[in-house]
Amino acid sequence: MRTRNPARRTRFRWPPGPRPAAASWLLGGLVCLSLAAVAFLLVPDIRAREHAHRTARPCPTSLPAEAVDCALEFPATVAEVRTVTVGRASLDYEARLTSERGEPFRVRFDADRPIAAGLRPGDQVTARLWRGDVTSVSRLDAAQATTRAPGGAIGWALLPGWLLAAVAVHAVWCGIWILRHTESYRAGRTSPLTTAAAVLAGMLPVLLLAATVTYLVDGPPWLPALLGVCCLAALRKWLRPSDARHAAR
């Protein structure tokens, strides 16, 4: 006869004891807040690099070796082209270029258009060199950025930063609530914590959308925080009657 193992049926339970639970929440919040601060500190440098790339002045010389911080365009010949599989479905294109002086440059494209899929050995192209990296290649009035071109990196700092900040605020709030309501926590009345988790889950899409809009329109990085505060105010007003009923009990 087959018997059920009670250990298999696991349910989520809050950690026993208010002080260890509060310490865990507060420690986790501080860790997430530190990681978010590191991500936010990268945003100004990334934006400065992208701005410097967009506004780079043309180099006064045609020698690639003398390019420092200016943008240098020089003719090159495609010596080799190959495809590189990234993951299961993504396909990158790699090309080896040779300048007029015989200097080799390796470039990679993360898309096949407008020129990557059509490159063949022997083709004549124009490469754009900036800070030692070929950031774009043009051929027949069509240009394509390489993977070394600044752009898109700010999203990898902005989105995780705001997500970590939201989780940090939630964790710190839970820790403070447990310390202030130890009797309710011991009695198992943890519905405010569950409600806060639901509020955070509802805010995450808003923060993602705001951070994406901030990145696309090059808006201020505090826009997601402003929308997040507005969402918190609206949710707080909506949940206030239920909190009053819970306090009356």
Protein backbone atom coordinates (compact mmCIF):
# COMPACT_ATOMS: atom_id res chain seq x y z
CA MET A 1 0.00 0.00 0.00
CA ARG A 2 1.39 3.36 -1.03
CA THR A 3 1.57 5.95 1.72
CA ARG A 4 2.03 9.67 1.37
CA ASN A 5 5.08 11.29 2.78
CA PRO A 6 4.02 14.35 4.84
CA ALA A 7 7.46 15.92 4.33
CA ARG A 8 6.77 16.33 0.64
CA ARG A 9 3.92 18.75 1.24
CA THR A 10 5.82 21.86 2.12
CA ARG A 11 4.20 25.20 2.77
CA PHE A 12 5.83 28.57 3.02
CA ARG A 13 6.31 29.67 6.60
CA TRP A 14 7.86 32.83 7.90
CA PRO A 15 11.05 32.31 9.93
CA PRO A 16 10.40 31.62 13.63
CA GLY A 17 11.13 34.42 16.06
CA PRO A 18 10.62 38.09 15.24
CA ARG A 19 14.20 39.21 15.85
CA PRO A 20 15.93 36.64 13.57
CA ALA A 21 13.30 37.24 10.90
CA ALA A 22 13.69 41.03 11.10
CA ALA A 23 17.48 40.73 11.02
CA SER A 24 17.25 38.54 7.90
CA TRP A 25 14.98 41.02 6.12
CA LEU A 26 17.11 44.02 7.07
CA LEU A 27 20.35 42.32 6.06
CA GLY A 28 18.89 41.27 2.73
CA GLY A 29 17.59 44.80 2.16
CA LEU A 30 21.00 46.33 2.86
CA VAL A 31 22.68 43.91 0.47
CA CYS A 32 20.19 44.69 -2.31
CA LEU A 33 20.51 48.41 -1.62
CA SER A 34 24.30 48.19 -1.90
CA LEU A 35 24.07 46.34 -5.21
CA ALA A 36 21.56 48.90 -6.49
CA ALA A 37 23.91 51.74 -5.54
CA VAL A 38 26.72 50.08 -7.49
CA ALA A 39 24.47 49.74 -10.54
CA PHE A 40 23.37 53.38 -10.33
CA LEU A 41 26.98 54.56 -10.04
CA LEU A 42 27.68 52.98 -13.42
CA VAL A 43 24.93 54.93 -15.21
CA PRO A 44 26.73 58.34 -15.44
CA ASP A 45 29.90 56.74 -16.82
CA ILE A 46 27.94 54.76 -19.39
CA ARG A 47 26.02 57.84 -20.52
CA ALA A 48 29.22 59.87 -20.71
CA ARG A 49 30.82 57.20 -22.88
CA GLU A 50 27.83 57.05 -25.21
CA HIS A 51 27.75 60.85 -25.49
CA ALA A 52 31.49 60.97 -26.21
CA HIS A 53 31.04 58.40 -28.96
CA ARG A 54 28.16 60.29 -30.57
CA THR A 55 29.95 63.64 -30.48
CA ALA A 56 33.47 62.43 -31.30
CA ARG A 57 35.25 64.80 -33.69
CA PRO A 58 36.93 63.48 -36.85
CA CYS A 59 40.59 62.68 -36.49
CA PRO A 60 42.97 65.03 -38.34
CA THR A 61 45.07 62.12 -39.61
CA SER A 62 44.32 59.03 -41.64
CA LEU A 63 46.62 56.77 -39.64
CA PRO A 64 44.69 54.37 -37.36
CA ALA A 65 47.63 54.09 -34.95
CA GLU A 66 47.38 57.79 -34.12
CA ALA A 67 43.67 57.74 -33.22
CA VAL A 68 43.25 58.64 -29.54
CA ASP A 69 39.81 59.96 -28.61
CA CYS A 70 38.60 61.15 -31.98
CA ALA A 71 36.66 59.14 -34.54
CA LEU A 72 38.77 57.92 -37.42
CA GLU A 73 37.31 56.57 -40.64
CA PHE A 74 39.68 54.59 -42.83
CA PRO A 75 39.31 52.21 -45.76
CA ALA A 76 39.76 48.52 -45.09
CA THR A 77 39.51 45.19 -46.87
CA VAL A 78 37.48 42.25 -45.60
CA ALA A 79 39.93 39.37 -45.17
CA GLU A 80 37.65 36.81 -43.51
CA VAL A 81 33.99 36.41 -42.55
CA ARG A 82 32.48 33.73 -40.35
CA THR A 83 29.37 33.15 -38.28
CA VAL A 84 29.36 32.44 -34.56
CA THR A 85 26.47 30.76 -32.78
CA VAL A 86 25.57 32.41 -29.48
CA GLY A 87 23.21 30.33 -27.38
CA ARG A 88 20.69 28.22 -29.27
CA ALA A 89 19.17 30.65 -31.74
CA SER A 90 21.30 33.81 -31.82
CA LEU A 91 23.83 34.12 -34.63
CA ASP A 92 26.66 36.66 -34.72
CA TYR A 93 28.87 37.61 -37.61
CA GLU A 94 32.61 38.04 -37.22
CA ALA A 95 34.85 39.71 -39.78
CA ARG A 96 38.58 40.34 -39.97
CA LEU A 97 39.47 43.64 -41.59
CA THR A 98 42.84 44.78 -42.88
CA SER A 99 43.70 48.47 -43.20
CA GLU A 100 45.85 49.98 -45.91
CA ARG A 101 48.85 49.68 -43.60
CA GLY A 102 48.17 45.98 -43.06
CA GLU A 103 46.84 46.36 -39.52
CA PRO A 104 44.26 43.68 -38.63
CA PHE A 105 40.99 44.50 -36.90
CA ARG A 106 38.43 41.96 -35.74
CA VAL A 107 34.80 43.08 -35.54
CA ARG A 108 31.59 41.35 -34.55
CA PHE A 109 27.99 42.13 -35.47
CA ASP A 110 25.02 40.88 -33.45
CA ALA A 111 22.61 41.22 -36.39
CA ASP A 112 22.71 40.25 -40.05
CA ARG A 113 21.52 43.59 -41.42
CA PRO A 114 22.22 45.87 -43.06
CA ILE A 115 25.68 44.70 -44.17
CA ALA A 116 26.90 41.83 -41.98
CA ALA A 117 25.25 38.97 -43.89
CA GLY A 118 26.44 40.35 -47.23
CA LEU A 119 30.13 40.75 -46.41
CA ARG A 120 32.52 38.63 -48.44
CA PRO A 121 36.33 38.34 -48.41
CA GLY A 122 37.81 41.00 -50.64
CA ASP A 123 35.04 43.58 -50.12
CA GLN A 124 36.10 47.17 -49.60
CA VAL A 125 34.55 48.81 -46.53
CA THR A 126 35.00 51.91 -44.38
CA ALA A 127 35.68 51.31 -40.70
CA ARG A 128 35.15 53.83 -37.89
CA LEU A 129 37.76 53.62 -35.15
CA TRP A 130 37.13 55.15 -31.72
CA ARG A 131 39.30 54.66 -28.65
CA GLY A 132 41.02 51.69 -30.22
CA ASP A 133 37.82 49.85 -31.18
CA VAL A 134 36.07 49.63 -34.54
CA THR A 135 32.58 50.76 -33.59
CA SER A 136 30.94 50.69 -37.03
CA VAL A 137 31.54 49.46 -40.57
CA SER A 138 29.96 50.96 -43.67
CA ARG A 139 29.68 49.70 -47.23
CA LEU A 140 27.67 51.01 -50.19
CA ASP A 141 26.12 53.86 -48.15
CA ALA A 142 24.96 51.44 -45.43
CA ALA A 143 26.51 51.36 -41.97
CA GLN A 144 26.19 48.89 -39.12
CA ALA A 145 27.40 49.21 -35.54
CA THR A 146 29.63 46.54 -34.10
CA THR A 147 29.34 44.97 -30.66
CA ARG A 148 32.10 47.33 -29.46
CA ALA A 149 29.98 50.42 -30.10
CA PRO A 150 28.68 52.14 -26.94
CA GLY A 151 24.95 51.72 -26.70
CA GLY A 152 22.51 49.51 -24.83
CA ALA A 153 24.79 49.06 -21.83
CA ILE A 154 22.86 51.57 -19.75
CA GLY A 155 19.86 49.26 -19.73
CA TRP A 156 21.94 46.54 -18.06
CA ALA A 157 22.66 48.95 -15.20
CA LEU A 158 19.38 50.86 -14.99
CA LEU A 159 16.92 47.95 -14.97
CA PRO A 160 18.68 45.77 -12.36
CA GLY A 161 19.36 48.87 -10.28
CA TRP A 162 15.70 49.80 -9.94
CA LEU A 163 14.67 46.17 -9.39
CA LEU A 164 17.21 45.79 -6.60
CA ALA A 165 16.13 49.12 -5.11
CA ALA A 166 12.47 48.01 -5.07
CA VAL A 167 13.36 44.69 -3.42
CA ALA A 168 15.56 46.52 -0.90
CA VAL A 169 12.73 48.88 0.08
CA HIS A 170 10.37 45.94 0.48
CA ALA A 171 12.85 43.97 2.61
CA VAL A 172 13.62 46.92 4.89
CA TRP A 173 9.90 47.64 5.32
CA CYS A 174 9.24 44.00 6.27
CA GLY A 175 12.06 44.05 8.82
CA ILE A 176 10.81 47.26 10.42
CA TRP A 177 7.22 45.98 10.48
CA ILE A 178 8.27 42.77 12.24
CA LEU A 179 10.16 44.73 14.89
CA ARG A 180 7.21 47.06 15.48
CA HIS A 181 4.57 44.28 15.50
CA THR A 182 6.27 41.42 17.30
CA GLU A 183 3.08 40.19 18.96
CA SER A 184 1.21 40.05 15.65
CA TYR A 185 4.15 38.23 14.10
CA ARG A 186 4.26 35.64 16.89
CA ALA A 187 0.51 35.11 16.50
CA GLY A 188 0.92 34.45 12.79
CA ARG A 189 -0.89 37.58 11.60
CA THR A 190 1.51 38.26 8.72
CA SER A 191 -1.04 39.44 6.16
CA PRO A 192 0.59 42.91 5.89
CA LEU A 193 3.81 41.21 4.79
CA THR A 194 1.95 39.21 2.18
CA THR A 195 0.18 42.36 1.02
CA ALA A 196 3.51 44.18 0.73
CA ALA A 197 4.88 41.34 -1.39
CA ALA A 198 1.83 41.58 -3.66
CA VAL A 199 2.31 45.35 -3.94
CA LEU A 200 5.96 44.84 -4.89
CA ALA A 201 5.00 42.27 -7.52
CA GLY A 202 2.52 44.75 -8.96
CA MET A 203 5.10 47.54 -8.99
CA LEU A 204 7.85 45.58 -10.76
CA PRO A 205 6.23 45.80 -14.23
CA VAL A 206 5.74 49.54 -13.71
CA LEU A 207 9.38 49.98 -12.76
CA LEU A 208 10.51 47.90 -15.74
CA LEU A 209 8.34 49.95 -18.09
CA ALA A 210 9.55 53.25 -16.61
CA ALA A 211 13.19 52.20 -16.77
CA THR A 212 12.76 51.05 -20.38
CA VAL A 213 11.14 54.36 -21.36
CA THR A 214 13.93 56.22 -19.56
CA TYR A 215 16.52 54.32 -21.57
CA LEU A 216 14.76 54.66 -24.93
CA VAL A 217 13.99 58.39 -24.71
CA ASP A 218 17.19 59.19 -22.81
CA GLY A 219 15.15 60.67 -20.01
CA PRO A 220 16.15 61.32 -16.39
CA PRO A 221 17.08 58.21 -14.39
CA TRP A 222 14.75 59.26 -11.54
CA LEU A 223 11.65 58.74 -13.68
CA PRO A 224 11.12 55.12 -12.50
CA ALA A 225 11.34 56.28 -8.88
CA LEU A 226 8.69 58.95 -9.47
CA LEU A 227 6.32 56.45 -11.07
CA GLY A 228 7.05 53.97 -8.29
CA VAL A 229 6.14 56.53 -5.62
CA CYS A 230 2.90 57.35 -7.48
CA CYS A 231 2.03 53.65 -7.59
CA LEU A 232 2.76 53.31 -3.88
CA ALA A 233 0.52 56.27 -3.07
CA ALA A 234 -2.32 54.88 -5.17
CA LEU A 235 -2.00 51.39 -3.69
CA ARG A 236 -1.77 52.79 -0.17
CA LYS A 237 -4.98 54.74 -0.63
CA TRP A 238 -6.68 51.69 -2.08
CA LEU A 239 -5.54 49.41 0.76
CA ARG A 240 -6.12 51.86 3.61
CA PRO A 241 -9.72 50.73 4.42
CA SER A 242 -8.63 47.10 4.71
CA ASP A 243 -5.73 48.12 6.98
CA ALA A 244 -8.17 50.03 9.22
CA ARG A 245 -10.43 47.00 9.48
CA HIS A 246 -7.44 44.81 10.30
CA ALA A 247 -6.32 47.21 13.02
CA ALA A 248 -9.83 47.30 14.50
CA ARG A 249 -9.75 43.56 14.94
